[in-house]
Amino acid sequence: MATTQDDSKTLREEMQTIMNQAHALVDATSGEVDDRIKSARAALKERLDLSQSNFSRIETQILDKAQAVDEFIHVKPYVAIGGTFVGGLLLGWFMSRK
């Protein structure tokens, strides 16, 4: 579970860096008077706000699912191992077919 949290933290930091750079771009073009730049700036700002809310919602869902899977594996480890084994067999069988 620690690896999932580390990966999540890294992804969150990268997304935050991208968002900060995009916000800096929006702020840097605030003095421009061209209509195309204003409309592009407004569209980018709207898209950034939407992306930020979507990312936080998706991140929460993924972490909840990972927590549920982790709990399931701790409660029923043999079922998880058996399911993984059967899934691996089926995947190997499908990949070996010509």
N, C-alpha and C. Protein backbone atom coordinates (compact mmCIF):
# COMPACT_ATOMS: atom_id res chain seq x y z
N MET A 1 0.82 -1.19 0.00
CA MET A 1 0.00 0.00 0.00
C MET A 1 0.86 1.25 0.00
N ALA A 2 2.09 1.13 0.57
CA ALA A 2 2.97 2.28 0.61
C ALA A 2 3.38 2.70 -0.79
N THR A 3 3.59 1.73 -1.68
CA THR A 3 3.95 2.05 -3.06
C THR A 3 2.84 2.83 -3.74
N THR A 4 1.60 2.44 -3.50
CA THR A 4 0.46 3.15 -4.09
C THR A 4 0.42 4.58 -3.58
N GLN A 5 0.69 4.78 -2.32
CA GLN A 5 0.68 6.13 -1.77
C GLN A 5 1.83 6.95 -2.33
N ASP A 6 3.02 6.31 -2.48
CA ASP A 6 4.16 7.02 -3.06
C ASP A 6 3.89 7.41 -4.51
N ASP A 7 3.32 6.47 -5.29
CA ASP A 7 2.99 6.76 -6.68
C ASP A 7 1.93 7.84 -6.77
N SER A 8 0.96 7.77 -5.89
CA SER A 8 -0.10 8.78 -5.86
C SER A 8 0.47 10.15 -5.53
N LYS A 9 1.39 10.18 -4.58
CA LYS A 9 2.01 11.45 -4.20
C LYS A 9 2.82 12.02 -5.36
N THR A 10 3.55 11.16 -6.06
CA THR A 10 4.34 11.61 -7.20
C THR A 10 3.44 12.14 -8.31
N LEU A 11 2.37 11.41 -8.61
CA LEU A 11 1.42 11.85 -9.63
C LEU A 11 0.77 13.16 -9.24
N ARG A 12 0.39 13.29 -7.99
CA ARG A 12 -0.23 14.52 -7.50
C ARG A 12 0.73 15.70 -7.65
N GLU A 13 2.01 15.49 -7.30
CA GLU A 13 3.00 16.55 -7.42
C GLU A 13 3.22 16.95 -8.87
N GLU A 14 3.26 15.97 -9.77
CA GLU A 14 3.44 16.28 -11.19
C GLU A 14 2.25 17.05 -11.75
N MET A 15 1.05 16.60 -11.39
CA MET A 15 -0.15 17.31 -11.86
C MET A 15 -0.20 18.72 -11.29
N GLN A 16 0.21 18.88 -10.04
CA GLN A 16 0.21 20.21 -9.43
C GLN A 16 1.22 21.11 -10.14
N THR A 17 2.37 20.57 -10.51
CA THR A 17 3.37 21.35 -11.24
C THR A 17 2.82 21.79 -12.60
N ILE A 18 2.17 20.88 -13.30
CA ILE A 18 1.58 21.23 -14.60
C ILE A 18 0.52 22.31 -14.43
N MET A 19 -0.33 22.15 -13.43
CA MET A 19 -1.38 23.14 -13.18
C MET A 19 -0.78 24.50 -12.82
N ASN A 20 0.27 24.50 -12.00
CA ASN A 20 0.91 25.76 -11.61
C ASN A 20 1.53 26.45 -12.82
N GLN A 21 2.15 25.68 -13.70
CA GLN A 21 2.74 26.27 -14.90
C GLN A 21 1.66 26.84 -15.82
N ALA A 22 0.56 26.14 -15.95
CA ALA A 22 -0.54 26.64 -16.78
C ALA A 22 -1.15 27.90 -16.17
N HIS A 23 -1.29 27.92 -14.85
CA HIS A 23 -1.80 29.13 -14.19
C HIS A 23 -0.83 30.29 -14.38
N ALA A 24 0.47 30.01 -14.32
CA ALA A 24 1.47 31.05 -14.55
C ALA A 24 1.36 31.59 -15.97
N LEU A 25 1.09 30.71 -16.94
CA LEU A 25 0.90 31.15 -18.32
C LEU A 25 -0.33 32.04 -18.44
N VAL A 26 -1.40 31.66 -17.77
CA VAL A 26 -2.62 32.46 -17.79
C VAL A 26 -2.34 33.83 -17.17
N ASP A 27 -1.63 33.85 -16.06
CA ASP A 27 -1.31 35.13 -15.41
C ASP A 27 -0.37 35.98 -16.24
N ALA A 28 0.57 35.33 -16.95
CA ALA A 28 1.54 36.07 -17.77
C ALA A 28 0.87 36.76 -18.95
N THR A 29 -0.22 36.20 -19.44
CA THR A 29 -0.90 36.80 -20.59
C THR A 29 -2.05 37.71 -20.18
N SER A 30 -2.15 38.03 -18.90
CA SER A 30 -3.28 38.85 -18.44
C SER A 30 -3.23 40.27 -18.98
N GLY A 31 -2.05 40.77 -19.33
CA GLY A 31 -1.93 42.13 -19.83
C GLY A 31 -2.17 42.25 -21.33
N GLU A 32 -2.34 41.15 -22.02
CA GLU A 32 -2.54 41.18 -23.47
C GLU A 32 -3.95 41.68 -23.79
N VAL A 33 -4.05 42.45 -24.87
CA VAL A 33 -5.35 43.03 -25.22
C VAL A 33 -5.98 42.38 -26.46
N ASP A 34 -5.26 41.51 -27.11
CA ASP A 34 -5.79 40.86 -28.30
C ASP A 34 -6.96 39.95 -27.91
N ASP A 35 -8.02 39.99 -28.69
CA ASP A 35 -9.21 39.20 -28.38
C ASP A 35 -8.95 37.71 -28.43
N ARG A 36 -8.11 37.27 -29.37
CA ARG A 36 -7.80 35.84 -29.46
C ARG A 36 -7.08 35.35 -28.21
N ILE A 37 -6.16 36.16 -27.72
CA ILE A 37 -5.43 35.78 -26.52
C ILE A 37 -6.36 35.78 -25.31
N LYS A 38 -7.24 36.75 -25.24
CA LYS A 38 -8.20 36.80 -24.13
C LYS A 38 -9.11 35.57 -24.14
N SER A 39 -9.61 35.21 -25.32
CA SER A 39 -10.50 34.06 -25.39
C SER A 39 -9.75 32.76 -25.10
N ALA A 40 -8.51 32.65 -25.59
CA ALA A 40 -7.71 31.46 -25.32
C ALA A 40 -7.38 31.37 -23.82
N ARG A 41 -7.09 32.52 -23.23
CA ARG A 41 -6.80 32.58 -21.80
C ARG A 41 -8.02 32.15 -20.98
N ALA A 42 -9.18 32.63 -21.34
CA ALA A 42 -10.41 32.28 -20.63
C ALA A 42 -10.71 30.78 -20.78
N ALA A 43 -10.52 30.27 -21.99
CA ALA A 43 -10.77 28.85 -22.23
C ALA A 43 -9.79 27.99 -21.44
N LEU A 44 -8.53 28.39 -21.40
CA LEU A 44 -7.52 27.65 -20.66
C LEU A 44 -7.82 27.67 -19.17
N LYS A 45 -8.21 28.82 -18.67
CA LYS A 45 -8.53 28.92 -17.24
C LYS A 45 -9.73 28.04 -16.89
N GLU A 46 -10.74 28.06 -17.74
CA GLU A 46 -11.91 27.21 -17.51
C GLU A 46 -11.54 25.74 -17.54
N ARG A 47 -10.73 25.36 -18.52
CA ARG A 47 -10.30 23.97 -18.66
C ARG A 47 -9.43 23.54 -17.48
N LEU A 48 -8.59 24.44 -16.99
CA LEU A 48 -7.75 24.13 -15.84
C LEU A 48 -8.59 23.88 -14.59
N ASP A 49 -9.57 24.72 -14.37
CA ASP A 49 -10.44 24.54 -13.21
C ASP A 49 -11.19 23.22 -13.29
N LEU A 50 -11.70 22.90 -14.47
CA LEU A 50 -12.41 21.64 -14.67
C LEU A 50 -11.47 20.44 -14.48
N SER A 51 -10.27 20.54 -15.03
CA SER A 51 -9.30 19.45 -14.91
C SER A 51 -8.89 19.23 -13.47
N GLN A 52 -8.72 20.32 -12.75
CA GLN A 52 -8.32 20.20 -11.36
C GLN A 52 -9.39 19.50 -10.53
N SER A 53 -10.64 19.86 -10.75
CA SER A 53 -11.72 19.21 -10.00
C SER A 53 -11.87 17.75 -10.42
N ASN A 54 -11.74 17.47 -11.72
CA ASN A 54 -11.82 16.08 -12.19
C ASN A 54 -10.68 15.24 -11.65
N PHE A 55 -9.48 15.80 -11.63
CA PHE A 55 -8.32 15.06 -11.14
C PHE A 55 -8.49 14.72 -9.67
N SER A 56 -8.96 15.66 -8.87
CA SER A 56 -9.12 15.37 -7.44
C SER A 56 -10.21 14.32 -7.22
N ARG A 57 -11.28 14.36 -8.03
CA ARG A 57 -12.34 13.37 -7.91
C ARG A 57 -11.83 11.98 -8.31
N ILE A 58 -11.11 11.89 -9.41
CA ILE A 58 -10.58 10.61 -9.88
C ILE A 58 -9.54 10.07 -8.91
N GLU A 59 -8.71 10.95 -8.39
CA GLU A 59 -7.69 10.51 -7.43
C GLU A 59 -8.35 9.91 -6.18
N THR A 60 -9.41 10.54 -5.71
CA THR A 60 -10.13 10.02 -4.56
C THR A 60 -10.73 8.65 -4.86
N GLN A 61 -11.32 8.50 -6.04
CA GLN A 61 -11.91 7.22 -6.42
C GLN A 61 -10.86 6.12 -6.52
N ILE A 62 -9.73 6.43 -7.11
CA ILE A 62 -8.66 5.43 -7.27
C ILE A 62 -8.12 5.01 -5.91
N LEU A 63 -7.91 5.97 -5.02
CA LEU A 63 -7.41 5.63 -3.70
C LEU A 63 -8.43 4.81 -2.91
N ASP A 64 -9.71 5.11 -3.07
CA ASP A 64 -10.75 4.32 -2.41
C ASP A 64 -10.75 2.88 -2.94
N LYS A 65 -10.63 2.72 -4.26
CA LYS A 65 -10.61 1.37 -4.85
C LYS A 65 -9.37 0.61 -4.41
N ALA A 66 -8.22 1.28 -4.36
CA ALA A 66 -6.99 0.61 -3.92
C ALA A 66 -7.11 0.18 -2.46
N GLN A 67 -7.73 1.01 -1.64
CA GLN A 67 -7.94 0.66 -0.24
C GLN A 67 -8.86 -0.56 -0.13
N ALA A 68 -9.93 -0.59 -0.94
CA ALA A 68 -10.86 -1.73 -0.91
C ALA A 68 -10.16 -3.02 -1.35
N VAL A 69 -9.34 -2.94 -2.39
CA VAL A 69 -8.61 -4.12 -2.86
C VAL A 69 -7.63 -4.59 -1.79
N ASP A 70 -6.94 -3.66 -1.16
CA ASP A 70 -5.99 -4.01 -0.11
C ASP A 70 -6.70 -4.71 1.05
N GLU A 71 -7.85 -4.20 1.44
CA GLU A 71 -8.63 -4.83 2.52
C GLU A 71 -9.10 -6.23 2.10
N PHE A 72 -9.56 -6.38 0.86
CA PHE A 72 -10.03 -7.68 0.37
C PHE A 72 -8.90 -8.70 0.40
N ILE A 73 -7.72 -8.29 -0.03
CA ILE A 73 -6.57 -9.20 -0.05
C ILE A 73 -6.19 -9.63 1.36
N HIS A 74 -6.30 -8.71 2.31
CA HIS A 74 -5.98 -9.07 3.70
C HIS A 74 -7.05 -9.99 4.31
N VAL A 75 -8.30 -9.80 3.91
CA VAL A 75 -9.38 -10.62 4.46
C VAL A 75 -9.40 -12.00 3.81
N LYS A 76 -9.24 -12.07 2.50
CA LYS A 76 -9.31 -13.34 1.77
C LYS A 76 -8.09 -13.49 0.86
N PRO A 77 -6.94 -13.78 1.43
CA PRO A 77 -5.73 -13.85 0.60
C PRO A 77 -5.74 -15.01 -0.39
N TYR A 78 -6.32 -16.16 -0.02
CA TYR A 78 -6.30 -17.32 -0.92
C TYR A 78 -7.22 -17.10 -2.12
N VAL A 79 -8.30 -16.42 -1.92
CA VAL A 79 -9.19 -16.10 -3.05
C VAL A 79 -8.47 -15.17 -4.02
N ALA A 80 -7.77 -14.18 -3.48
CA ALA A 80 -7.03 -13.25 -4.33
C ALA A 80 -5.91 -13.96 -5.10
N ILE A 81 -5.19 -14.84 -4.42
CA ILE A 81 -4.11 -15.59 -5.08
C ILE A 81 -4.69 -16.51 -6.14
N GLY A 82 -5.78 -17.21 -5.83
CA GLY A 82 -6.41 -18.12 -6.80
C GLY A 82 -6.94 -17.36 -8.00
N GLY A 83 -7.58 -16.23 -7.76
CA GLY A 83 -8.10 -15.43 -8.88
C GLY A 83 -6.99 -14.92 -9.77
N THR A 84 -5.89 -14.50 -9.16
CA THR A 84 -4.74 -14.04 -9.94
C THR A 84 -4.14 -15.18 -10.75
N PHE A 85 -4.06 -16.35 -10.15
CA PHE A 85 -3.53 -17.53 -10.85
C PHE A 85 -4.39 -17.89 -12.05
N VAL A 86 -5.70 -17.95 -11.85
CA VAL A 86 -6.63 -18.29 -12.95
C VAL A 86 -6.57 -17.21 -14.03
N GLY A 87 -6.53 -15.96 -13.62
CA GLY A 87 -6.43 -14.87 -14.60
C GLY A 87 -5.15 -14.96 -15.41
N GLY A 88 -4.04 -15.31 -14.75
CA GLY A 88 -2.76 -15.48 -15.45
C GLY A 88 -2.80 -16.64 -16.43
N LEU A 89 -3.44 -17.74 -16.02
CA LEU A 89 -3.57 -18.88 -16.93
C LEU A 89 -4.38 -18.51 -18.16
N LEU A 90 -5.51 -17.85 -17.96
CA LEU A 90 -6.35 -17.44 -19.10
C LEU A 90 -5.61 -16.46 -20.01
N LEU A 91 -4.93 -15.52 -19.42
CA LEU A 91 -4.18 -14.55 -20.23
C LEU A 91 -3.08 -15.25 -21.02
N GLY A 92 -2.37 -16.18 -20.39
CA GLY A 92 -1.34 -16.94 -21.10
C GLY A 92 -1.91 -17.78 -22.21
N TRP A 93 -3.07 -18.40 -21.96
CA TRP A 93 -3.70 -19.21 -22.98
C TRP A 93 -4.12 -18.36 -24.18
N PHE A 94 -4.73 -17.19 -23.92
CA PHE A 94 -5.15 -16.32 -25.01
C PHE A 94 -3.95 -15.78 -25.80
N MET A 95 -2.88 -15.47 -25.11
CA MET A 95 -1.70 -14.92 -25.79
C MET A 95 -0.96 -15.97 -26.60
N SER A 96 -1.06 -17.25 -26.19
CA SER A 96 -0.34 -18.29 -26.91
C SER A 96 -1.09 -18.78 -28.15
N ARG A 97 -2.35 -18.44 -28.27
CA ARG A 97 -3.13 -18.85 -29.44
C ARG A 97 -2.69 -18.05 -30.66
N LYS A 98 -2.76 -18.72 -31.81
CA LYS A 98 -2.36 -18.03 -33.04
C LYS A 98 -3.52 -17.66 -33.87
